[in-house]
Amino acid sequence: MADSTQNGPMPGGAGGGAVQFLMANKLDTAMWISRLFTVYCSALFVLPLLGLHEAASFYQRALLANALTSALRLHQRLPHFQLSRAFLAQALLEDSCHYLLYSLIFVNSYPVTMSIFPVLLFSLLHAATYTKKVLDARSSNSLPFLRNLLEKLSANQQNILKFIACNEIFLMPATVFMLFSGQGSLLQPFIYYRFLTLRYSSRRNPYCRTLFTELRIVVEHLIMKPACPVFVRRLCLSSISFISRLAPTVA
C-alpha cells in the first residue's frame, strides 16, 4: 500500500545519507511531511488536548493536509494533466484521487470522528513506510526502538486496512443520519456514495469490496437462524438485495 521509491540508501555518514535521500526524493519527502502533519492534526482532533474549539480546527487542517498529499500523489501517478474525459477516467482509478474527493466531502462538514480515522491511518501507514526508508538511508541499525514500532505497525497493516474499509462503509449511513439531523448537506450522501463506489472498484485496495462480502455473509448467517424474526429476515434480505443492485460492476 505504501508509495514506492527507487532510490536506496546513499553514502555520506549517518545524518548525511538521510539528508541526501530526502533531497533526492523531494516529492516523496513533501508527501512524508504532509502525512506526518496529517497524523499530528488528526491525533489532536481525536484527543482534544487543546480544547474542543481547537479540535474542530485540527479536523479541517488534517483533511486539508490529506487533500494536499492526495494531490501530490496523484500528480506523481499522472504527471501530465489533460483536460479530457480520458484523463478524468484514468484519474478516478487512482486511490489518491478517491481520497482527494474524500477530503473535499468532509472538510467543510460538521466534524465526525469516524471520518478522520481513514485519513489518520492511511497517513500513518504511508509515513511509517517512508520513515523506514529514511532510517535505512541514515544507517542500517539506527534508532532500533523506532524501527521496532514501525515493524509492529507494518505487521498489523492488513488489520488496519480492514478497519479503514469498515469506516468507509459505515460512513455511508452516517452521512444520511447527518442529513436528517441537520448536520450535513443534501449533496453529501450522494457524493459520498460516488466515493464509496470508487473504493469498491479500487484496483490497488480490495479491502472495501472484501468487507462488503464478509458483512453480507455474517448478516445472512445471523438472519437464517430460527430465532430471527421473520420481518427482520425479510428486511435484511431486502436491504442486501438493494445494496447489491447499487454495487458497481468490477472488471
C-alpha atoms as a PDB file:
ATOM      1  CA  MET A   1       0.000   0.000   0.000  1.00  0.00           C
ATOM      2  CA  ALA A   2       2.917   2.354   0.545  1.00  0.00           C
ATOM      3  CA  ASP A   3       4.441   4.600  -2.079  1.00  0.00           C
ATOM      4  CA  SER A   4       7.425   3.067  -3.839  1.00  0.00           C
ATOM      5  CA  THR A   5      10.738   4.846  -4.261  1.00  0.00           C
ATOM      6  CA  GLN A   6      13.510   3.609  -6.487  1.00  0.00           C
ATOM      7  CA  ASN A   7      16.321   5.341  -4.611  1.00  0.00           C
ATOM      8  CA  GLY A   8      18.114   3.303  -1.963  1.00  0.00           C
ATOM      9  CA  PRO A   9      20.444   4.261   0.902  1.00  0.00           C
ATOM     10  CA  MET A  10      23.094   6.784  -0.034  1.00  0.00           C
ATOM     11  CA  PRO A  11      26.584   7.186   1.334  1.00  0.00           C
ATOM     12  CA  GLY A  12      27.685  10.202   3.323  1.00  0.00           C
ATOM     13  CA  GLY A  13      27.526   9.338   7.023  1.00  0.00           C
ATOM     14  CA  ALA A  14      24.630   8.672   9.362  1.00  0.00           C
ATOM     15  CA  GLY A  15      22.949  12.052   9.023  1.00  0.00           C
ATOM     16  CA  GLY A  16      24.299  12.910   5.572  1.00  0.00           C
ATOM     17  CA  GLY A  17      22.836   9.798   3.958  1.00  0.00           C
ATOM     18  CA  ALA A  18      19.355  10.609   5.239  1.00  0.00           C
ATOM     19  CA  VAL A  19      19.588  14.241   4.109  1.00  0.00           C
ATOM     20  CA  GLN A  20      20.790  13.203   0.652  1.00  0.00           C
ATOM     21  CA  PHE A  21      17.956  10.681   0.434  1.00  0.00           C
ATOM     22  CA  LEU A  22      15.361  13.318   1.368  1.00  0.00           C
ATOM     23  CA  MET A  23      16.770  15.863  -1.080  1.00  0.00           C
ATOM     24  CA  ALA A  24      16.956  13.315  -3.879  1.00  0.00           C
ATOM     25  CA  ASN A  25      13.268  12.467  -3.446  1.00  0.00           C
ATOM     26  CA  LYS A  26      11.721  15.896  -2.951  1.00  0.00           C
ATOM     27  CA  LEU A  27       8.155  14.982  -3.911  1.00  0.00           C
ATOM     28  CA  ASP A  28       8.125  11.877  -1.697  1.00  0.00           C
ATOM     29  CA  THR A  29       9.639  13.932   1.119  1.00  0.00           C
ATOM     30  CA  ALA A  30       6.945  16.591   0.740  1.00  0.00           C
ATOM     31  CA  MET A  31       4.258  13.898   0.969  1.00  0.00           C
ATOM     32  CA  TRP A  32       6.019  12.406   4.013  1.00  0.00           C
ATOM     33  CA  ILE A  33       5.958  15.777   5.795  1.00  0.00           C
ATOM     34  CA  SER A  34       2.312  16.397   4.890  1.00  0.00           C
ATOM     35  CA  ARG A  35       1.379  12.918   6.124  1.00  0.00           C
ATOM     36  CA  LEU A  36       3.159  13.483   9.426  1.00  0.00           C
ATOM     37  CA  PHE A  37       1.282  16.771   9.749  1.00  0.00           C
ATOM     38  CA  THR A  38      -1.975  14.943   8.974  1.00  0.00           C
ATOM     39  CA  VAL A  39      -1.239  12.418  11.733  1.00  0.00           C
ATOM     40  CA  TYR A  40      -0.434  15.253  14.156  1.00  0.00           C
ATOM     41  CA  CYS A  41      -3.647  17.192  13.407  1.00  0.00           C
ATOM     42  CA  SER A  42      -5.804  14.042  13.404  1.00  0.00           C
ATOM     43  CA  ALA A  43      -4.425  12.992  16.781  1.00  0.00           C
ATOM     44  CA  LEU A  44      -5.199  16.412  18.275  1.00  0.00           C
ATOM     45  CA  PHE A  45      -8.749  16.152  16.948  1.00  0.00           C
ATOM     46  CA  VAL A  46      -9.341  12.638  18.297  1.00  0.00           C
ATOM     47  CA  LEU A  47      -7.662  13.583  21.616  1.00  0.00           C
ATOM     48  CA  PRO A  48      -8.719  17.223  22.145  1.00  0.00           C
ATOM     49  CA  LEU A  49      -5.877  18.139  24.491  1.00  0.00           C
ATOM     50  CA  LEU A  50      -6.081  21.819  23.472  1.00  0.00           C
ATOM     51  CA  GLY A  51      -9.865  22.107  23.860  1.00  0.00           C
ATOM     52  CA  LEU A  52     -12.938  21.297  21.787  1.00  0.00           C
ATOM     53  CA  HIS A  53     -12.843  24.549  19.815  1.00  0.00           C
ATOM     54  CA  GLU A  54      -9.264  23.925  18.696  1.00  0.00           C
ATOM     55  CA  ALA A  55     -10.115  20.287  17.920  1.00  0.00           C
ATOM     56  CA  ALA A  56     -12.541  21.404  15.172  1.00  0.00           C
ATOM     57  CA  SER A  57      -9.803  23.459  13.507  1.00  0.00           C
ATOM     58  CA  PHE A  58      -7.410  20.496  13.669  1.00  0.00           C
ATOM     59  CA  TYR A  59     -10.111  18.410  11.938  1.00  0.00           C
ATOM     60  CA  GLN A  60     -10.090  20.787   8.973  1.00  0.00           C
ATOM     61  CA  ARG A  61      -6.291  21.016   8.939  1.00  0.00           C
ATOM     62  CA  ALA A  62      -5.987  17.232   8.845  1.00  0.00           C
ATOM     63  CA  LEU A  63      -8.346  16.961   5.877  1.00  0.00           C
ATOM     64  CA  LEU A  64      -6.651  19.828   4.026  1.00  0.00           C
ATOM     65  CA  ALA A  65      -3.235  18.237   4.614  1.00  0.00           C
ATOM     66  CA  ASN A  66      -4.608  14.934   3.351  1.00  0.00           C
ATOM     67  CA  ALA A  67      -6.001  16.699   0.280  1.00  0.00           C
ATOM     68  CA  LEU A  68      -2.537  18.150  -0.394  1.00  0.00           C
ATOM     69  CA  THR A  69      -0.922  14.732  -0.008  1.00  0.00           C
ATOM     70  CA  SER A  70      -3.502  13.142  -2.313  1.00  0.00           C
ATOM     71  CA  ALA A  71      -2.996  15.863  -4.923  1.00  0.00           C
ATOM     72  CA  LEU A  72       0.802  15.393  -4.818  1.00  0.00           C
ATOM     73  CA  ARG A  73       0.429  11.622  -5.080  1.00  0.00           C
ATOM     74  CA  LEU A  74      -1.999  11.975  -7.975  1.00  0.00           C
ATOM     75  CA  HIS A  75       0.474  14.294  -9.725  1.00  0.00           C
ATOM     76  CA  GLN A  76       3.166  11.665  -9.147  1.00  0.00           C
ATOM     77  CA  ARG A  77       0.978   8.943 -10.656  1.00  0.00           C
ATOM     78  CA  LEU A  78      -0.350  11.114 -13.537  1.00  0.00           C
ATOM     79  CA  PRO A  79       2.235  13.854 -14.134  1.00  0.00           C
ATOM     80  CA  HIS A  80       0.820  15.126 -17.442  1.00  0.00           C
ATOM     81  CA  PHE A  81      -2.511  16.822 -16.779  1.00  0.00           C
ATOM     82  CA  GLN A  82      -5.011  16.874 -19.637  1.00  0.00           C
ATOM     83  CA  LEU A  83      -8.454  18.431 -19.727  1.00  0.00           C
ATOM     84  CA  SER A  84     -10.212  15.409 -21.202  1.00  0.00           C
ATOM     85  CA  ARG A  85     -12.664  12.667 -20.261  1.00  0.00           C
ATOM     86  CA  ALA A  86      -9.974  10.024 -20.766  1.00  0.00           C
ATOM     87  CA  PHE A  87      -7.659  11.710 -18.247  1.00  0.00           C
ATOM     88  CA  LEU A  88     -10.517  12.104 -15.739  1.00  0.00           C
ATOM     89  CA  ALA A  89     -11.453   8.434 -16.121  1.00  0.00           C
ATOM     90  CA  GLN A  90      -7.823   7.453 -15.538  1.00  0.00           C
ATOM     91  CA  ALA A  91      -7.559   9.748 -12.506  1.00  0.00           C
ATOM     92  CA  LEU A  92     -10.686   8.222 -10.938  1.00  0.00           C
ATOM     93  CA  LEU A  93      -8.952   4.843 -10.958  1.00  0.00           C
ATOM     94  CA  GLU A  94      -6.287   6.165  -8.572  1.00  0.00           C
ATOM     95  CA  ASP A  95      -6.729   5.783  -4.804  1.00  0.00           C
ATOM     96  CA  SER A  96      -5.155   9.213  -4.314  1.00  0.00           C
ATOM     97  CA  CYS A  97      -7.991  10.757  -6.362  1.00  0.00           C
ATOM     98  CA  HIS A  98     -10.515   8.940  -4.177  1.00  0.00           C
ATOM     99  CA  TYR A  99      -9.082  10.453  -1.005  1.00  0.00           C
ATOM    100  CA  LEU A 100      -8.747  13.874  -2.557  1.00  0.00           C
ATOM    101  CA  LEU A 101     -12.515  13.671  -3.128  1.00  0.00           C
ATOM    102  CA  TYR A 102     -12.986  12.289   0.397  1.00  0.00           C
ATOM    103  CA  SER A 103     -11.181  15.270   1.931  1.00  0.00           C
ATOM    104  CA  LEU A 104     -13.287  17.716  -0.084  1.00  0.00           C
ATOM    105  CA  ILE A 105     -16.504  15.968   1.030  1.00  0.00           C
ATOM    106  CA  PHE A 106     -15.793  16.338   4.759  1.00  0.00           C
ATOM    107  CA  VAL A 107     -13.530  19.397   5.078  1.00  0.00           C
ATOM    108  CA  ASN A 108     -16.426  21.849   5.485  1.00  0.00           C
ATOM    109  CA  SER A 109     -18.858  19.485   7.165  1.00  0.00           C
ATOM    110  CA  TYR A 110     -19.686  19.015  10.836  1.00  0.00           C
ATOM    111  CA  PRO A 111     -16.658  17.223  12.419  1.00  0.00           C
ATOM    112  CA  VAL A 112     -17.240  13.463  12.559  1.00  0.00           C
ATOM    113  CA  THR A 113     -14.709  11.357  14.430  1.00  0.00           C
ATOM    114  CA  MET A 114     -15.372   8.330  12.217  1.00  0.00           C
ATOM    115  CA  SER A 115     -14.411  10.301   9.099  1.00  0.00           C
ATOM    116  CA  ILE A 116     -10.943  11.179  10.406  1.00  0.00           C
ATOM    117  CA  PHE A 117      -9.787   7.597  11.047  1.00  0.00           C
ATOM    118  CA  PRO A 118      -9.184   6.619   7.374  1.00  0.00           C
ATOM    119  CA  VAL A 119      -7.161   9.823   6.876  1.00  0.00           C
ATOM    120  CA  LEU A 120      -5.197   9.264  10.095  1.00  0.00           C
ATOM    121  CA  LEU A 121      -4.448   5.580   9.493  1.00  0.00           C
ATOM    122  CA  PHE A 122      -3.544   5.854   5.798  1.00  0.00           C
ATOM    123  CA  SER A 123      -1.201   8.743   6.589  1.00  0.00           C
ATOM    124  CA  LEU A 124       0.323   6.766   9.453  1.00  0.00           C
ATOM    125  CA  LEU A 125       0.937   3.677   7.306  1.00  0.00           C
ATOM    126  CA  HIS A 126       2.493   5.600   4.417  1.00  0.00           C
ATOM    127  CA  ALA A 127       4.557   7.821   6.725  1.00  0.00           C
ATOM    128  CA  ALA A 128       5.834   4.748   8.587  1.00  0.00           C
ATOM    129  CA  THR A 129       6.979   3.112   5.353  1.00  0.00           C
ATOM    130  CA  TYR A 130       8.850   6.202   4.222  1.00  0.00           C
ATOM    131  CA  THR A 131      10.317   6.719   7.701  1.00  0.00           C
ATOM    132  CA  LYS A 132      11.873   3.244   7.466  1.00  0.00           C
ATOM    133  CA  LYS A 133      13.480   4.252   4.161  1.00  0.00           C
ATOM    134  CA  VAL A 134      14.881   7.398   5.787  1.00  0.00           C
ATOM    135  CA  LEU A 135      16.272   5.333   8.667  1.00  0.00           C
ATOM    136  CA  ASP A 136      17.833   2.866   6.211  1.00  0.00           C
ATOM    137  CA  ALA A 137      19.457   5.789   4.388  1.00  0.00           C
ATOM    138  CA  ARG A 138      20.803   7.067   7.695  1.00  0.00           C
ATOM    139  CA  SER A 139      22.231   3.687   8.750  1.00  0.00           C
ATOM    140  CA  SER A 140      21.097   0.078   8.874  1.00  0.00           C
ATOM    141  CA  ASN A 141      20.828  -0.047  12.680  1.00  0.00           C
ATOM    142  CA  SER A 142      19.806   3.494  13.607  1.00  0.00           C
ATOM    143  CA  LEU A 143      17.076   4.126  16.198  1.00  0.00           C
ATOM    144  CA  PRO A 144      16.179   0.467  16.921  1.00  0.00           C
ATOM    145  CA  PHE A 145      13.269   1.432  19.214  1.00  0.00           C
ATOM    146  CA  LEU A 146      11.594   3.425  16.434  1.00  0.00           C
ATOM    147  CA  ARG A 147      12.286   0.624  13.973  1.00  0.00           C
ATOM    148  CA  ASN A 148      10.525  -1.859  16.259  1.00  0.00           C
ATOM    149  CA  LEU A 149       7.463   0.378  16.447  1.00  0.00           C
ATOM    150  CA  LEU A 150       7.396   0.726  12.671  1.00  0.00           C
ATOM    151  CA  GLU A 151       7.736  -3.045  12.238  1.00  0.00           C
ATOM    152  CA  LYS A 152       4.799  -3.665  14.586  1.00  0.00           C
ATOM    153  CA  LEU A 153       2.729  -1.165  12.643  1.00  0.00           C
ATOM    154  CA  SER A 154       3.671  -2.869   9.379  1.00  0.00           C
ATOM    155  CA  ALA A 155       2.794  -6.291  10.820  1.00  0.00           C
ATOM    156  CA  ASN A 156      -0.737  -5.061  11.571  1.00  0.00           C
ATOM    157  CA  GLN A 157      -1.207  -3.374   8.188  1.00  0.00           C
ATOM    158  CA  GLN A 158      -3.848  -5.823   6.971  1.00  0.00           C
ATOM    159  CA  ASN A 159      -5.996  -5.349  10.090  1.00  0.00           C
ATOM    160  CA  ILE A 160      -5.618  -1.565   9.813  1.00  0.00           C
ATOM    161  CA  LEU A 161      -6.701  -1.605   6.163  1.00  0.00           C
ATOM    162  CA  LYS A 162      -9.761  -3.672   7.066  1.00  0.00           C
ATOM    163  CA  PHE A 163     -10.624  -1.191   9.801  1.00  0.00           C
ATOM    164  CA  ILE A 164     -10.313   1.671   7.285  1.00  0.00           C
ATOM    165  CA  ALA A 165     -12.607  -0.167   4.852  1.00  0.00           C
ATOM    166  CA  CYS A 166     -15.131  -0.694   7.652  1.00  0.00           C
ATOM    167  CA  ASN A 167     -15.068   3.052   8.354  1.00  0.00           C
ATOM    168  CA  GLU A 168     -15.577   3.805   4.663  1.00  0.00           C
ATOM    169  CA  ILE A 169     -18.661   1.564   4.549  1.00  0.00           C
ATOM    170  CA  PHE A 170     -20.364   2.748   7.744  1.00  0.00           C
ATOM    171  CA  LEU A 171     -19.789   6.391   6.895  1.00  0.00           C
ATOM    172  CA  MET A 172     -22.444   5.974   4.184  1.00  0.00           C
ATOM    173  CA  PRO A 173     -25.360   5.584   6.631  1.00  0.00           C
ATOM    174  CA  ALA A 174     -23.648   8.162   8.864  1.00  0.00           C
ATOM    175  CA  THR A 175     -23.892  10.811   6.111  1.00  0.00           C
ATOM    176  CA  VAL A 176     -27.617  10.047   5.743  1.00  0.00           C
ATOM    177  CA  PHE A 177     -28.083  10.365   9.516  1.00  0.00           C
ATOM    178  CA  MET A 178     -26.180  13.680   9.478  1.00  0.00           C
ATOM    179  CA  LEU A 179     -28.528  14.946   6.758  1.00  0.00           C
ATOM    180  CA  PHE A 180     -31.665  14.202   8.788  1.00  0.00           C
ATOM    181  CA  SER A 181     -30.109  15.570  11.977  1.00  0.00           C
ATOM    182  CA  GLY A 182     -29.313  18.876  10.267  1.00  0.00           C
ATOM    183  CA  GLN A 183     -25.521  18.414  10.428  1.00  0.00           C
ATOM    184  CA  GLY A 184     -24.941  17.524   6.780  1.00  0.00           C
ATOM    185  CA  SER A 185     -25.783  18.855   3.341  1.00  0.00           C
ATOM    186  CA  LEU A 186     -28.245  17.381   0.853  1.00  0.00           C
ATOM    187  CA  LEU A 187     -25.489  16.568  -1.651  1.00  0.00           C
ATOM    188  CA  GLN A 188     -23.119  14.915   0.822  1.00  0.00           C
ATOM    189  CA  PRO A 189     -24.707  11.406   0.817  1.00  0.00           C
ATOM    190  CA  PHE A 190     -24.832  11.365  -2.991  1.00  0.00           C
ATOM    191  CA  ILE A 191     -21.210  12.480  -3.383  1.00  0.00           C
ATOM    192  CA  TYR A 192     -20.093  10.054  -0.686  1.00  0.00           C
ATOM    193  CA  TYR A 193     -21.935   7.240  -2.475  1.00  0.00           C
ATOM    194  CA  ARG A 194     -19.822   8.050  -5.543  1.00  0.00           C
ATOM    195  CA  PHE A 195     -16.680   7.891  -3.387  1.00  0.00           C
ATOM    196  CA  LEU A 196     -17.756   4.519  -1.976  1.00  0.00           C
ATOM    197  CA  THR A 197     -18.309   3.076  -5.459  1.00  0.00           C
ATOM    198  CA  LEU A 198     -14.794   4.189  -6.391  1.00  0.00           C
ATOM    199  CA  ARG A 199     -13.387   2.481  -3.298  1.00  0.00           C
ATOM    200  CA  TYR A 200     -15.395  -0.661  -4.070  1.00  0.00           C
ATOM    201  CA  SER A 201     -13.889  -0.748  -7.576  1.00  0.00           C
ATOM    202  CA  SER A 202     -10.341   0.098  -6.461  1.00  0.00           C
ATOM    203  CA  ARG A 203      -7.613  -1.875  -8.243  1.00  0.00           C
ATOM    204  CA  ARG A 204      -4.976  -1.333  -5.544  1.00  0.00           C
ATOM    205  CA  ASN A 205      -7.088  -1.742  -2.419  1.00  0.00           C
ATOM    206  CA  PRO A 206      -9.655  -4.587  -2.447  1.00  0.00           C
ATOM    207  CA  TYR A 207     -10.492  -4.300   1.254  1.00  0.00           C
ATOM    208  CA  CYS A 208     -13.709  -2.312   0.817  1.00  0.00           C
ATOM    209  CA  ARG A 209     -15.020  -4.940  -1.596  1.00  0.00           C
ATOM    210  CA  THR A 210     -13.875  -7.726   0.726  1.00  0.00           C
ATOM    211  CA  LEU A 211     -15.565  -6.143   3.745  1.00  0.00           C
ATOM    212  CA  PHE A 212     -18.854  -5.825   1.888  1.00  0.00           C
ATOM    213  CA  THR A 213     -18.716  -9.550   1.094  1.00  0.00           C
ATOM    214  CA  GLU A 214     -17.793 -10.507   4.658  1.00  0.00           C
ATOM    215  CA  LEU A 215     -20.547  -8.331   6.143  1.00  0.00           C
ATOM    216  CA  ARG A 216     -23.089  -9.886   3.784  1.00  0.00           C
ATOM    217  CA  ILE A 217     -22.029 -13.409   4.795  1.00  0.00           C
ATOM    218  CA  VAL A 218     -22.248 -12.549   8.514  1.00  0.00           C
ATOM    219  CA  VAL A 219     -25.702 -10.932   8.191  1.00  0.00           C
ATOM    220  CA  GLU A 220     -27.072 -13.813   6.093  1.00  0.00           C
ATOM    221  CA  HIS A 221     -25.736 -16.301   8.630  1.00  0.00           C
ATOM    222  CA  LEU A 222     -27.446 -14.481  11.516  1.00  0.00           C
ATOM    223  CA  ILE A 223     -30.829 -13.942   9.876  1.00  0.00           C
ATOM    224  CA  MET A 224     -31.119 -17.568   8.784  1.00  0.00           C
ATOM    225  CA  LYS A 225     -31.121 -18.731  12.391  1.00  0.00           C
ATOM    226  CA  PRO A 226     -34.560 -19.950  13.630  1.00  0.00           C
ATOM    227  CA  ALA A 227     -34.527 -17.362  16.447  1.00  0.00           C
ATOM    228  CA  CYS A 228     -34.501 -14.479  13.968  1.00  0.00           C
ATOM    229  CA  PRO A 229     -37.963 -12.893  13.497  1.00  0.00           C
ATOM    230  CA  VAL A 230     -39.406 -13.247  10.007  1.00  0.00           C
ATOM    231  CA  PHE A 231     -39.878  -9.495   9.471  1.00  0.00           C
ATOM    232  CA  VAL A 232     -36.224  -8.863  10.419  1.00  0.00           C
ATOM    233  CA  ARG A 233     -35.115 -11.570   7.986  1.00  0.00           C
ATOM    234  CA  ARG A 234     -37.197 -10.055   5.173  1.00  0.00           C
ATOM    235  CA  LEU A 235     -35.950  -6.550   5.942  1.00  0.00           C
ATOM    236  CA  CYS A 236     -32.312  -7.666   5.907  1.00  0.00           C
ATOM    237  CA  LEU A 237     -32.733  -9.667   2.685  1.00  0.00           C
ATOM    238  CA  SER A 238     -34.395  -6.681   1.009  1.00  0.00           C
ATOM    239  CA  SER A 239     -31.566  -4.406   2.203  1.00  0.00           C
ATOM    240  CA  ILE A 240     -28.924  -6.827   0.922  1.00  0.00           C
ATOM    241  CA  SER A 241     -30.680  -7.026  -2.453  1.00  0.00           C
ATOM    242  CA  PHE A 242     -30.928  -3.226  -2.663  1.00  0.00           C
ATOM    243  CA  ILE A 243     -27.245  -2.682  -1.754  1.00  0.00           C
ATOM    244  CA  SER A 244     -26.163  -5.396  -4.225  1.00  0.00           C
ATOM    245  CA  ARG A 245     -28.002  -3.582  -7.034  1.00  0.00           C
ATOM    246  CA  LEU A 246     -26.182  -0.356  -6.146  1.00  0.00           C
ATOM    247  CA  ALA A 247     -22.766  -2.024  -6.248  1.00  0.00           C
ATOM    248  CA  PRO A 248     -20.722  -1.172  -9.370  1.00  0.00           C
ATOM    249  CA  THR A 249     -19.514  -3.837 -11.756  1.00  0.00           C
ATOM    250  CA  VAL A 250     -15.880  -4.744 -11.136  1.00  0.00           C
ATOM    251  CA  ALA A 251     -13.772  -5.937 -14.041  1.00  0.00           C
END
